[in-house]
PDB file of N, CA and C in Angstrom:
ATOM      1  N   MET A   1       0.823  -1.193   0.000  1.00  0.00           N
ATOM      2  CA  MET A   1       0.000   0.000   0.000  1.00  0.00           C
ATOM      3  C   MET A   1       0.866   1.255   0.000  1.00  0.00           C
ATOM      4  N   LYS A   2       1.940   1.276   0.822  1.00  0.00           N
ATOM      5  CA  LYS A   2       2.809   2.443   0.871  1.00  0.00           C
ATOM      6  C   LYS A   2       3.429   2.730  -0.488  1.00  0.00           C
ATOM      7  N   LYS A   3       3.823   1.673  -1.212  1.00  0.00           N
ATOM      8  CA  LYS A   3       4.445   1.856  -2.521  1.00  0.00           C
ATOM      9  C   LYS A   3       3.475   2.505  -3.495  1.00  0.00           C
ATOM     10  N   ILE A   4       2.218   2.125  -3.439  1.00  0.00           N
ATOM     11  CA  ILE A   4       1.206   2.685  -4.334  1.00  0.00           C
ATOM     12  C   ILE A   4       0.993   4.165  -4.030  1.00  0.00           C
ATOM     13  N   VAL A   5       0.897   4.497  -2.761  1.00  0.00           N
ATOM     14  CA  VAL A   5       0.690   5.896  -2.366  1.00  0.00           C
ATOM     15  C   VAL A   5       1.882   6.745  -2.788  1.00  0.00           C
ATOM     16  N   ILE A   6       3.093   6.265  -2.533  1.00  0.00           N
ATOM     17  CA  ILE A   6       4.296   7.012  -2.907  1.00  0.00           C
ATOM     18  C   ILE A   6       4.365   7.177  -4.416  1.00  0.00           C
ATOM     19  N   ALA A   7       4.095   6.128  -5.158  1.00  0.00           N
ATOM     20  CA  ALA A   7       4.121   6.206  -6.618  1.00  0.00           C
ATOM     21  C   ALA A   7       3.070   7.181  -7.134  1.00  0.00           C
ATOM     22  N   THR A   8       1.906   7.180  -6.532  1.00  0.00           N
ATOM     23  CA  THR A   8       0.842   8.086  -6.936  1.00  0.00           C
ATOM     24  C   THR A   8       1.223   9.529  -6.642  1.00  0.00           C
ATOM     25  N   LEU A   9       1.791   9.776  -5.468  1.00  0.00           N
ATOM     26  CA  LEU A   9       2.217  11.133  -5.120  1.00  0.00           C
ATOM     27  C   LEU A   9       3.309  11.615  -6.053  1.00  0.00           C
ATOM     28  N   PHE A  10       4.271  10.748  -6.384  1.00  0.00           N
ATOM     29  CA  PHE A  10       5.358  11.122  -7.276  1.00  0.00           C
ATOM     30  C   PHE A  10       4.814  11.419  -8.667  1.00  0.00           C
ATOM     31  N   ALA A  11       3.954  10.583  -9.176  1.00  0.00           N
ATOM     32  CA  ALA A  11       3.380  10.790 -10.512  1.00  0.00           C
ATOM     33  C   ALA A  11       2.589  12.089 -10.549  1.00  0.00           C
ATOM     34  N   GLY A  12       1.842  12.374  -9.510  1.00  0.00           N
ATOM     35  CA  GLY A  12       1.067  13.605  -9.455  1.00  0.00           C
ATOM     36  C   GLY A  12       1.947  14.828  -9.413  1.00  0.00           C
ATOM     37  N   SER A  13       3.053  14.754  -8.682  1.00  0.00           N
ATOM     38  CA  SER A  13       3.931  15.915  -8.586  1.00  0.00           C
ATOM     39  C   SER A  13       4.643  16.176  -9.898  1.00  0.00           C
ATOM     40  N   THR A  14       4.956  15.133 -10.665  1.00  0.00           N
ATOM     41  CA  THR A  14       5.625  15.360 -11.944  1.00  0.00           C
ATOM     42  C   THR A  14       4.690  16.005 -12.952  1.00  0.00           C
ATOM     43  N   LEU A  15       3.407  15.812 -12.800  1.00  0.00           N
ATOM     44  CA  LEU A  15       2.459  16.457 -13.702  1.00  0.00           C
ATOM     45  C   LEU A  15       2.415  17.962 -13.467  1.00  0.00           C
ATOM     46  N   LEU A  16       2.740  18.397 -12.263  1.00  0.00           N
ATOM     47  CA  LEU A  16       2.717  19.812 -11.937  1.00  0.00           C
ATOM     48  C   LEU A  16       4.015  20.518 -12.303  1.00  0.00           C
ATOM     49  N   MET A  17       5.058  19.755 -12.583  1.00  0.00           N
ATOM     50  CA  MET A  17       6.346  20.342 -12.918  1.00  0.00           C
ATOM     51  C   MET A  17       6.285  20.985 -14.297  1.00  0.00           C
ATOM     52  N   ALA A  18       7.022  22.044 -14.472  1.00  0.00           N
ATOM     53  CA  ALA A  18       7.057  22.737 -15.756  1.00  0.00           C
ATOM     54  C   ALA A  18       7.711  21.853 -16.811  1.00  0.00           C
ATOM     55  N   ASP A  19       7.211  21.925 -18.026  1.00  0.00           N
ATOM     56  CA  ASP A  19       7.722  21.154 -19.145  1.00  0.00           C
ATOM     57  C   ASP A  19       8.542  22.079 -20.031  1.00  0.00           C
ATOM     58  N   GLY A  20       9.857  21.965 -19.938  1.00  0.00           N
ATOM     59  CA  GLY A  20      10.748  22.835 -20.688  1.00  0.00           C
ATOM     60  C   GLY A  20      10.526  22.787 -22.187  1.00  0.00           C
ATOM     61  N   ALA A  21      10.279  21.584 -22.725  1.00  0.00           N
ATOM     62  CA  ALA A  21      10.058  21.454 -24.167  1.00  0.00           C
ATOM     63  C   ALA A  21       8.798  22.195 -24.590  1.00  0.00           C
ATOM     64  N   ALA A  22       7.735  22.061 -23.813  1.00  0.00           N
ATOM     65  CA  ALA A  22       6.481  22.754 -24.141  1.00  0.00           C
ATOM     66  C   ALA A  22       6.662  24.266 -24.022  1.00  0.00           C
ATOM     67  N   LEU A  23       7.373  24.708 -23.004  1.00  0.00           N
ATOM     68  CA  LEU A  23       7.619  26.139 -22.827  1.00  0.00           C
ATOM     69  C   LEU A  23       8.480  26.695 -23.954  1.00  0.00           C
ATOM     70  N   PHE A  24       9.420  25.907 -24.446  1.00  0.00           N
ATOM     71  CA  PHE A  24      10.318  26.355 -25.504  1.00  0.00           C
ATOM     72  C   PHE A  24       9.598  26.510 -26.843  1.00  0.00           C
ATOM     73  N   ALA A  25       8.450  25.900 -26.993  1.00  0.00           N
ATOM     74  CA  ALA A  25       7.732  25.955 -28.273  1.00  0.00           C
ATOM     75  C   ALA A  25       7.512  27.391 -28.741  1.00  0.00           C
ATOM     76  N   LYS A  26       7.215  28.303 -27.824  1.00  0.00           N
ATOM     77  CA  LYS A  26       6.996  29.694 -28.244  1.00  0.00           C
ATOM     78  C   LYS A  26       8.306  30.405 -28.548  1.00  0.00           C
ATOM     79  N   CYS A  27       9.415  29.865 -28.118  1.00  0.00           N
ATOM     80  CA  CYS A  27      10.736  30.448 -28.382  1.00  0.00           C
ATOM     81  C   CYS A  27      11.264  30.006 -29.756  1.00  0.00           C
ATOM     82  N   ALA A  28      10.846  28.825 -30.176  1.00  0.00           N
ATOM     83  CA  ALA A  28      11.395  28.209 -31.383  1.00  0.00           C
ATOM     84  C   ALA A  28      11.124  29.020 -32.645  1.00  0.00           C
ATOM     85  N   GLY A  29      10.053  29.798 -32.672  1.00  0.00           N
ATOM     86  CA  GLY A  29       9.760  30.601 -33.852  1.00  0.00           C
ATOM     87  C   GLY A  29      10.901  31.542 -34.209  1.00  0.00           C
ATOM     88  N   CYS A  30      11.558  32.087 -33.222  1.00  0.00           N
ATOM     89  CA  CYS A  30      12.682  33.002 -33.455  1.00  0.00           C
ATOM     90  C   CYS A  30      14.039  32.320 -33.295  1.00  0.00           C
ATOM     91  N   HIS A  31      14.150  31.438 -32.305  1.00  0.00           N
ATOM     92  CA  HIS A  31      15.440  30.830 -31.976  1.00  0.00           C
ATOM     93  C   HIS A  31      15.700  29.516 -32.702  1.00  0.00           C
ATOM     94  N   GLY A  32      14.694  28.956 -33.392  1.00  0.00           N
ATOM     95  CA  GLY A  32      14.848  27.671 -34.076  1.00  0.00           C
ATOM     96  C   GLY A  32      14.502  26.508 -33.168  1.00  0.00           C
ATOM     97  N   GLN A  33      14.148  25.383 -33.762  1.00  0.00           N
ATOM     98  CA  GLN A  33      13.733  24.205 -33.007  1.00  0.00           C
ATOM     99  C   GLN A  33      14.811  23.685 -32.061  1.00  0.00           C
ATOM    100  N   LYS A  34      16.061  23.905 -32.406  1.00  0.00           N
ATOM    101  CA  LYS A  34      17.179  23.439 -31.576  1.00  0.00           C
ATOM    102  C   LYS A  34      17.975  24.613 -31.003  1.00  0.00           C
ATOM    103  N   GLY A  35      17.383  25.810 -31.033  1.00  0.00           N
ATOM    104  CA  GLY A  35      18.088  26.990 -30.532  1.00  0.00           C
ATOM    105  C   GLY A  35      19.269  27.357 -31.408  1.00  0.00           C
ATOM    106  N   GLU A  36      19.202  26.966 -32.688  1.00  0.00           N
ATOM    107  CA  GLU A  36      20.332  27.118 -33.611  1.00  0.00           C
ATOM    108  C   GLU A  36      20.345  28.437 -34.379  1.00  0.00           C
ATOM    109  N   LYS A  37      19.335  29.264 -34.217  1.00  0.00           N
ATOM    110  CA  LYS A  37      19.245  30.513 -34.974  1.00  0.00           C
ATOM    111  C   LYS A  37      19.534  31.729 -34.107  1.00  0.00           C
ATOM    112  N   ALA A  38      20.100  32.745 -34.725  1.00  0.00           N
ATOM    113  CA  ALA A  38      20.225  34.048 -34.070  1.00  0.00           C
ATOM    114  C   ALA A  38      18.854  34.706 -34.229  1.00  0.00           C
ATOM    115  N   ALA A  39      18.114  34.807 -33.155  1.00  0.00           N
ATOM    116  CA  ALA A  39      16.743  35.321 -33.210  1.00  0.00           C
ATOM    117  C   ALA A  39      16.716  36.697 -33.859  1.00  0.00           C
ATOM    118  N   LEU A  40      15.896  36.826 -34.896  1.00  0.00           N
ATOM    119  CA  LEU A  40      15.756  38.067 -35.650  1.00  0.00           C
ATOM    120  C   LEU A  40      17.107  38.598 -36.128  1.00  0.00           C
ATOM    121  N   GLY A  41      18.055  37.691 -36.286  1.00  0.00           N
ATOM    122  CA  GLY A  41      19.389  38.056 -36.752  1.00  0.00           C
ATOM    123  C   GLY A  41      20.202  38.839 -35.731  1.00  0.00           C
ATOM    124  N   LYS A  42      19.749  38.859 -34.479  1.00  0.00           N
ATOM    125  CA  LYS A  42      20.393  39.691 -33.456  1.00  0.00           C
ATOM    126  C   LYS A  42      20.988  38.914 -32.285  1.00  0.00           C
ATOM    127  N   SER A  43      20.328  37.870 -31.856  1.00  0.00           N
ATOM    128  CA  SER A  43      20.746  37.208 -30.610  1.00  0.00           C
ATOM    129  C   SER A  43      21.891  36.230 -30.832  1.00  0.00           C
ATOM    130  N   ALA A  44      22.435  35.774 -29.727  1.00  0.00           N
ATOM    131  CA  ALA A  44      23.404  34.682 -29.764  1.00  0.00           C
ATOM    132  C   ALA A  44      22.650  33.387 -30.051  1.00  0.00           C
ATOM    133  N   ILE A  45      23.364  32.373 -30.468  1.00  0.00           N
ATOM    134  CA  ILE A  45      22.799  31.033 -30.618  1.00  0.00           C
ATOM    135  C   ILE A  45      22.626  30.489 -29.199  1.00  0.00           C
ATOM    136  N   ILE A  46      21.399  30.088 -28.858  1.00  0.00           N
ATOM    137  CA  ILE A  46      21.149  29.700 -27.468  1.00  0.00           C
ATOM    138  C   ILE A  46      21.203  28.197 -27.221  1.00  0.00           C
ATOM    139  N   GLY A  47      21.101  27.380 -28.261  1.00  0.00           N
ATOM    140  CA  GLY A  47      21.128  25.932 -28.077  1.00  0.00           C
ATOM    141  C   GLY A  47      22.385  25.483 -27.368  1.00  0.00           C
ATOM    142  N   GLY A  48      22.239  24.756 -26.273  1.00  0.00           N
ATOM    143  CA  GLY A  48      23.372  24.263 -25.506  1.00  0.00           C
ATOM    144  C   GLY A  48      23.938  25.265 -24.512  1.00  0.00           C
ATOM    145  N   GLU A  49      23.330  26.447 -24.431  1.00  0.00           N
ATOM    146  CA  GLU A  49      23.804  27.482 -23.499  1.00  0.00           C
ATOM    147  C   GLU A  49      23.648  27.011 -22.053  1.00  0.00           C
ATOM    148  N   ASP A  50      24.584  27.393 -21.203  1.00  0.00           N
ATOM    149  CA  ASP A  50      24.561  27.046 -19.789  1.00  0.00           C
ATOM    150  C   ASP A  50      23.229  27.458 -19.157  1.00  0.00           C
ATOM    151  N   ALA A  51      22.590  26.548 -18.429  1.00  0.00           N
ATOM    152  CA  ALA A  51      21.275  26.819 -17.830  1.00  0.00           C
ATOM    153  C   ALA A  51      21.314  28.002 -16.869  1.00  0.00           C
ATOM    154  N   ALA A  52      22.355  28.102 -16.075  1.00  0.00           N
ATOM    155  CA  ALA A  52      22.445  29.211 -15.113  1.00  0.00           C
ATOM    156  C   ALA A  52      22.504  30.552 -15.837  1.00  0.00           C
ATOM    157  N   LYS A  53      23.221  30.605 -16.945  1.00  0.00           N
ATOM    158  CA  LYS A  53      23.297  31.837 -17.732  1.00  0.00           C
ATOM    159  C   LYS A  53      21.926  32.178 -18.311  1.00  0.00           C
ATOM    160  N   THR A  54      21.236  31.175 -18.844  1.00  0.00           N
ATOM    161  CA  THR A  54      19.909  31.407 -19.417  1.00  0.00           C
ATOM    162  C   THR A  54      18.932  31.879 -18.353  1.00  0.00           C
ATOM    163  N   ILE A  55      18.981  31.279 -17.176  1.00  0.00           N
ATOM    164  CA  ILE A  55      18.107  31.696 -16.074  1.00  0.00           C
ATOM    165  C   ILE A  55      18.365  33.164 -15.742  1.00  0.00           C
ATOM    166  N   GLU A  56      19.635  33.542 -15.628  1.00  0.00           N
ATOM    167  CA  GLU A  56      19.992  34.925 -15.318  1.00  0.00           C
ATOM    168  C   GLU A  56      19.452  35.880 -16.391  1.00  0.00           C
ATOM    169  N   LEU A  57      19.632  35.515 -17.653  1.00  0.00           N
ATOM    170  CA  LEU A  57      19.161  36.370 -18.751  1.00  0.00           C
ATOM    171  C   LEU A  57      17.642  36.488 -18.758  1.00  0.00           C
ATOM    172  N   LEU A  58      16.962  35.358 -18.634  1.00  0.00           N
ATOM    173  CA  LEU A  58      15.499  35.396 -18.672  1.00  0.00           C
ATOM    174  C   LEU A  58      14.920  36.186 -17.501  1.00  0.00           C
ATOM    175  N   LYS A  59      15.525  36.050 -16.327  1.00  0.00           N
ATOM    176  CA  LYS A  59      15.055  36.830 -15.178  1.00  0.00           C
ATOM    177  C   LYS A  59      15.309  38.324 -15.394  1.00  0.00           C
ATOM    178  N   GLY A  60      16.418  38.664 -16.042  1.00  0.00           N
ATOM    179  CA  GLY A  60      16.696  40.056 -16.365  1.00  0.00           C
ATOM    180  C   GLY A  60      15.682  40.622 -17.347  1.00  0.00           C
ATOM    181  N   TYR A  61      15.354  39.840 -18.362  1.00  0.00           N
ATOM    182  CA  TYR A  61      14.325  40.270 -19.316  1.00  0.00           C
ATOM    183  C   TYR A  61      12.980  40.435 -18.611  1.00  0.00           C
ATOM    184  N   LYS A  62      12.634  39.469 -17.775  1.00  0.00           N
ATOM    185  CA  LYS A  62      11.350  39.524 -17.071  1.00  0.00           C
ATOM    186  C   LYS A  62      11.256  40.760 -16.175  1.00  0.00           C
ATOM    187  N   ALA A  63      12.338  41.100 -15.504  1.00  0.00           N
ATOM    188  CA  ALA A  63      12.362  42.259 -14.611  1.00  0.00           C
ATOM    189  C   ALA A  63      12.430  43.582 -15.376  1.00  0.00           C
ATOM    190  N   GLY A  64      12.739  43.495 -16.657  1.00  0.00           N
ATOM    191  CA  GLY A  64      12.859  44.703 -17.457  1.00  0.00           C
ATOM    192  C   GLY A  64      14.195  45.407 -17.286  1.00  0.00           C
ATOM    193  N   THR A  65      15.176  44.698 -16.731  1.00  0.00           N
ATOM    194  CA  THR A  65      16.487  45.291 -16.480  1.00  0.00           C
ATOM    195  C   THR A  65      17.514  44.899 -17.540  1.00  0.00           C
ATOM    196  N   LEU A  66      17.124  44.094 -18.514  1.00  0.00           N
ATOM    197  CA  LEU A  66      18.049  43.630 -19.543  1.00  0.00           C
ATOM    198  C   LEU A  66      17.504  44.004 -20.916  1.00  0.00           C
ATOM    199  N   ASN A  67      18.375  44.506 -21.766  1.00  0.00           N
ATOM    200  CA  ASN A  67      17.969  44.900 -23.116  1.00  0.00           C
ATOM    201  C   ASN A  67      19.084  44.556 -24.102  1.00  0.00           C
ATOM    202  N   GLN A  68      19.483  43.299 -24.137  1.00  0.00           N
ATOM    203  CA  GLN A  68      20.533  42.879 -25.064  1.00  0.00           C
ATOM    204  C   GLN A  68      20.037  42.984 -26.492  1.00  0.00           C
ATOM    205  N   HIS A  69      20.853  43.553 -27.357  1.00  0.00           N
ATOM    206  CA  HIS A  69      20.563  43.662 -28.789  1.00  0.00           C
ATOM    207  C   HIS A  69      19.253  44.392 -29.066  1.00  0.00           C
ATOM    208  N   GLY A  70      18.803  45.227 -28.127  1.00  0.00           N
ATOM    209  CA  GLY A  70      17.557  45.957 -28.308  1.00  0.00           C
ATOM    210  C   GLY A  70      16.314  45.087 -28.226  1.00  0.00           C
ATOM    211  N   MET A  71      16.455  43.904 -27.631  1.00  0.00           N
ATOM    212  CA  MET A  71      15.350  42.940 -27.589  1.00  0.00           C
ATOM    213  C   MET A  71      14.657  42.895 -26.235  1.00  0.00           C
ATOM    214  N   GLY A  72      14.957  43.834 -25.342  1.00  0.00           N
ATOM    215  CA  GLY A  72      14.413  43.807 -23.990  1.00  0.00           C
ATOM    216  C   GLY A  72      12.896  43.785 -23.929  1.00  0.00           C
ATOM    217  N   ALA A  73      12.247  44.677 -24.654  1.00  0.00           N
ATOM    218  CA  ALA A  73      10.781  44.757 -24.598  1.00  0.00           C
ATOM    219  C   ALA A  73      10.133  43.498 -25.171  1.00  0.00           C
ATOM    220  N   LEU A  74      10.666  43.021 -26.289  1.00  0.00           N
ATOM    221  CA  LEU A  74      10.121  41.804 -26.899  1.00  0.00           C
ATOM    222  C   LEU A  74      10.276  40.616 -25.955  1.00  0.00           C
ATOM    223  N   MET A  75      11.479  40.455 -25.404  1.00  0.00           N
ATOM    224  CA  MET A  75      11.732  39.324 -24.520  1.00  0.00           C
ATOM    225  C   MET A  75      10.965  39.443 -23.209  1.00  0.00           C
ATOM    226  N   LYS A  76      10.792  40.660 -22.712  1.00  0.00           N
ATOM    227  CA  LYS A  76      10.015  40.839 -21.483  1.00  0.00           C
ATOM    228  C   LYS A  76       8.604  40.301 -21.693  1.00  0.00           C
ATOM    229  N   GLY A  77       8.020  40.583 -22.834  1.00  0.00           N
ATOM    230  CA  GLY A  77       6.694  40.062 -23.149  1.00  0.00           C
ATOM    231  C   GLY A  77       6.665  38.543 -23.244  1.00  0.00           C
ATOM    232  N   GLN A  78       7.735  37.966 -23.741  1.00  0.00           N
ATOM    233  CA  GLN A  78       7.796  36.511 -23.893  1.00  0.00           C
ATOM    234  C   GLN A  78       7.900  35.790 -22.552  1.00  0.00           C
ATOM    235  N   VAL A  79       8.589  36.389 -21.594  1.00  0.00           N
ATOM    236  CA  VAL A  79       8.812  35.712 -20.308  1.00  0.00           C
ATOM    237  C   VAL A  79       7.928  36.233 -19.182  1.00  0.00           C
ATOM    238  N   ALA A  80       7.114  37.235 -19.454  1.00  0.00           N
ATOM    239  CA  ALA A  80       6.301  37.871 -18.403  1.00  0.00           C
ATOM    240  C   ALA A  80       5.455  36.883 -17.615  1.00  0.00           C
ATOM    241  N   SER A  81       4.890  35.904 -18.276  1.00  0.00           N
ATOM    242  CA  SER A  81       3.990  34.964 -17.599  1.00  0.00           C
ATOM    243  C   SER A  81       4.716  33.733 -17.048  1.00  0.00           C
ATOM    244  N   MET A  82       6.025  33.652 -17.229  1.00  0.00           N
ATOM    245  CA  MET A  82       6.773  32.480 -16.773  1.00  0.00           C
ATOM    246  C   MET A  82       7.110  32.595 -15.285  1.00  0.00           C
ATOM    247  N   SER A  83       6.867  31.516 -14.566  1.00  0.00           N
ATOM    248  CA  SER A  83       7.262  31.442 -13.156  1.00  0.00           C
ATOM    249  C   SER A  83       8.749  31.118 -13.078  1.00  0.00           C
ATOM    250  N   ASP A  84       9.323  31.202 -11.894  1.00  0.00           N
ATOM    251  CA  ASP A  84      10.724  30.810 -11.715  1.00  0.00           C
ATOM    252  C   ASP A  84      10.918  29.345 -12.104  1.00  0.00           C
ATOM    253  N   GLU A  85       9.939  28.519 -11.796  1.00  0.00           N
ATOM    254  CA  GLU A  85      10.005  27.099 -12.161  1.00  0.00           C
ATOM    255  C   GLU A  85       9.990  26.938 -13.682  1.00  0.00           C
ATOM    256  N   ASP A  86       9.157  27.715 -14.364  1.00  0.00           N
ATOM    257  CA  ASP A  86       9.105  27.678 -15.829  1.00  0.00           C
ATOM    258  C   ASP A  86      10.446  28.098 -16.424  1.00  0.00           C
ATOM    259  N   ILE A  87      11.011  29.172 -15.889  1.00  0.00           N
ATOM    260  CA  ILE A  87      12.295  29.673 -16.386  1.00  0.00           C
ATOM    261  C   ILE A  87      13.375  28.617 -16.206  1.00  0.00           C
ATOM    262  N   LYS A  88      13.392  27.973 -15.058  1.00  0.00           N
ATOM    263  CA  LYS A  88      14.387  26.924 -14.808  1.00  0.00           C
ATOM    264  C   LYS A  88      14.193  25.764 -15.782  1.00  0.00           C
ATOM    265  N   ALA A  89      12.945  25.355 -15.993  1.00  0.00           N
ATOM    266  CA  ALA A  89      12.669  24.220 -16.880  1.00  0.00           C
ATOM    267  C   ALA A  89      13.079  24.527 -18.318  1.00  0.00           C
ATOM    268  N   VAL A  90      12.751  25.708 -18.811  1.00  0.00           N
ATOM    269  CA  VAL A  90      13.108  26.037 -20.194  1.00  0.00           C
ATOM    270  C   VAL A  90      14.617  26.219 -20.321  1.00  0.00           C
ATOM    271  N   ALA A  91      15.275  26.755 -19.305  1.00  0.00           N
ATOM    272  CA  ALA A  91      16.732  26.916 -19.327  1.00  0.00           C
ATOM    273  C   ALA A  91      17.428  25.557 -19.378  1.00  0.00           C
ATOM    274  N   GLU A  92      16.926  24.613 -18.609  1.00  0.00           N
ATOM    275  CA  GLU A  92      17.511  23.267 -18.618  1.00  0.00           C
ATOM    276  C   GLU A  92      17.268  22.585 -19.959  1.00  0.00           C
ATOM    277  N   TYR A  93      16.109  22.830 -20.546  1.00  0.00           N
ATOM    278  CA  TYR A  93      15.814  22.272 -21.868  1.00  0.00           C
ATOM    279  C   TYR A  93      16.775  22.857 -22.910  1.00  0.00           C
ATOM    280  N   ILE A  94      16.961  24.167 -22.886  1.00  0.00           N
ATOM    281  CA  ILE A  94      17.855  24.842 -23.829  1.00  0.00           C
ATOM    282  C   ILE A  94      19.282  24.314 -23.682  1.00  0.00           C
ATOM    283  N   ALA A  95      19.711  24.100 -22.439  1.00  0.00           N
ATOM    284  CA  ALA A  95      21.068  23.589 -22.184  1.00  0.00           C
ATOM    285  C   ALA A  95      21.276  22.230 -22.840  1.00  0.00           C
ATOM    286  N   GLY A  96      20.212  21.446 -22.950  1.00  0.00           N
ATOM    287  CA  GLY A  96      20.314  20.121 -23.540  1.00  0.00           C
ATOM    288  C   GLY A  96      20.193  20.093 -25.056  1.00  0.00           C
ATOM    289  N   LEU A  97      19.918  21.223 -25.678  1.00  0.00           N
ATOM    290  CA  LEU A  97      19.800  21.281 -27.135  1.00  0.00           C
ATOM    291  C   LEU A  97      21.181  21.264 -27.767  1.00  0.00           C
ATOM    292  N   LYS A  98      21.309  20.511 -28.812  1.00  0.00           N
ATOM    293  CA  LYS A  98      22.599  20.445 -29.539  1.00  0.00           C
ATOM    294  C   LYS A  98      22.355  20.618 -31.009  1.00  0.00           C
TER     295      LYS A  98
END
């Protein structure tokens, strides 16, 4: 019985976790499916980028304190609705892109 309860709790908690691949879908239009494009011909290639760096950048865009390549307002709109958990999940997904 304990194993069933633990398995059920674990399965339920994973459903609530952010899905980096699903979150990245809205990024792929500019950055490419594998993060291989310079978004709008301006950004760095993000595929495989260190997750901690991506988290820092996305939080800066969200706070409105970052404006790399003049993309601050656009990126702020893209990350405005993302939670810290969402940002971490998408950053980890991006880090795994090759």
